[in-house]
Amino acid sequence: MSAFASDPGLNEVQDAAGHGTEVDVAVHLHDGTVRLSILWTQEILLNADDADQVAQALQRVAGQARRITAARRSDRPTEA
């Protein structure tokens, strides 16, 4: 089981050139890092609507990452 949770809003986003390339935006549930993956190649060509969906997914995942890292900071013992 992966520690990354992918943003479900990108299920329909694919390469505008028709190569079957996909993009994935995910957050690591333990340390709050954000992963942006371009699957099957090194680049992806997006139409404007799909590019907007990717940008929105990155913003959603960044918010999740901030909450995860804030929770981790609050779980640490404070120094006296």
Protein backbone atom coordinates (compact mmCIF):
# COMPACT_ATOMS: atom_id res chain seq x y z
CA MET A 1 0.00 0.00 0.00
CA SER A 2 1.35 3.38 -0.99
CA ALA A 3 1.73 6.17 1.51
CA PHE A 4 0.74 8.60 -1.27
CA ALA A 5 -2.88 9.63 -1.84
CA SER A 6 -3.59 10.76 -5.39
CA ASP A 7 -5.96 13.60 -6.13
CA PRO A 8 -9.07 12.01 -7.68
CA GLY A 9 -9.87 15.13 -9.72
CA LEU A 10 -7.33 14.22 -12.39
CA ASN A 11 -8.76 10.90 -13.54
CA GLU A 12 -9.75 12.27 -16.95
CA VAL A 13 -6.64 14.41 -17.64
CA GLN A 14 -4.55 13.03 -20.50
CA ASP A 15 -2.08 14.25 -23.07
CA ALA A 16 -3.66 16.61 -25.62
CA ALA A 17 -1.49 15.04 -28.33
CA GLY A 18 -3.22 11.69 -27.81
CA HIS A 19 -0.17 9.74 -26.60
CA GLY A 20 -1.96 8.35 -23.53
CA THR A 21 0.30 10.24 -21.12
CA GLU A 22 -1.25 10.89 -17.72
CA VAL A 23 -0.51 13.22 -14.84
CA ASP A 24 -0.80 12.43 -11.13
CA VAL A 25 -0.73 14.77 -8.14
CA ALA A 26 -0.48 13.15 -4.72
CA VAL A 27 0.35 13.90 -1.09
CA HIS A 28 2.46 11.65 1.14
CA LEU A 29 0.19 10.90 4.10
CA HIS A 30 3.04 10.61 6.62
CA ASP A 31 5.36 13.51 5.85
CA GLY A 32 3.21 15.86 3.75
CA THR A 33 5.43 15.97 0.67
CA VAL A 34 3.72 16.58 -2.67
CA ARG A 35 4.39 14.37 -5.68
CA LEU A 36 3.74 15.51 -9.24
CA SER A 37 4.13 12.60 -11.68
CA ILE A 38 3.97 12.55 -15.44
CA LEU A 39 3.30 8.94 -16.33
CA TRP A 40 4.68 7.13 -19.39
CA THR A 41 6.95 9.97 -20.63
CA GLN A 42 8.98 13.00 -19.58
CA GLU A 43 6.45 15.61 -20.61
CA ILE A 44 2.74 16.10 -21.13
CA LEU A 45 0.89 18.49 -23.40
CA LEU A 46 -2.31 19.78 -21.79
CA ASN A 47 -5.18 21.78 -23.15
CA ALA A 48 -6.13 24.86 -21.11
CA ASP A 49 -8.92 23.14 -19.16
CA ASP A 50 -6.74 20.19 -18.19
CA ALA A 51 -3.88 22.51 -17.19
CA ASP A 52 -6.34 24.34 -14.92
CA GLN A 53 -7.40 21.01 -13.37
CA VAL A 54 -3.74 20.15 -12.65
CA ALA A 55 -3.18 23.57 -11.06
CA GLN A 56 -6.27 23.13 -8.86
CA ALA A 57 -5.15 19.63 -7.85
CA LEU A 58 -1.74 20.97 -6.84
CA GLN A 59 -3.44 23.61 -4.69
CA ARG A 60 -5.70 21.02 -3.03
CA VAL A 61 -2.77 18.71 -2.32
CA ALA A 62 -0.64 21.60 -1.04
CA GLY A 63 -3.39 22.34 1.47
CA GLN A 64 -3.42 18.71 2.59
CA ALA A 65 0.37 18.76 2.89
CA ARG A 66 0.23 21.86 5.10
CA ARG A 67 -2.32 20.20 7.39
CA ILE A 68 -0.20 17.03 7.64
CA THR A 69 2.99 18.92 8.46
CA ALA A 70 1.17 21.15 10.96
CA ALA A 71 -0.23 18.07 12.70
CA ARG A 72 3.25 16.51 12.82
CA ARG A 73 4.67 19.70 14.37
CA SER A 74 1.94 19.79 17.01
CA ASP A 75 2.62 16.13 17.91
CA ARG A 76 6.26 16.85 18.74
CA PRO A 77 7.10 17.39 22.40
CA THR A 78 7.94 20.99 23.24
CA GLU A 79 11.38 21.77 24.60
CA ALA A 80 11.53 23.18 28.10
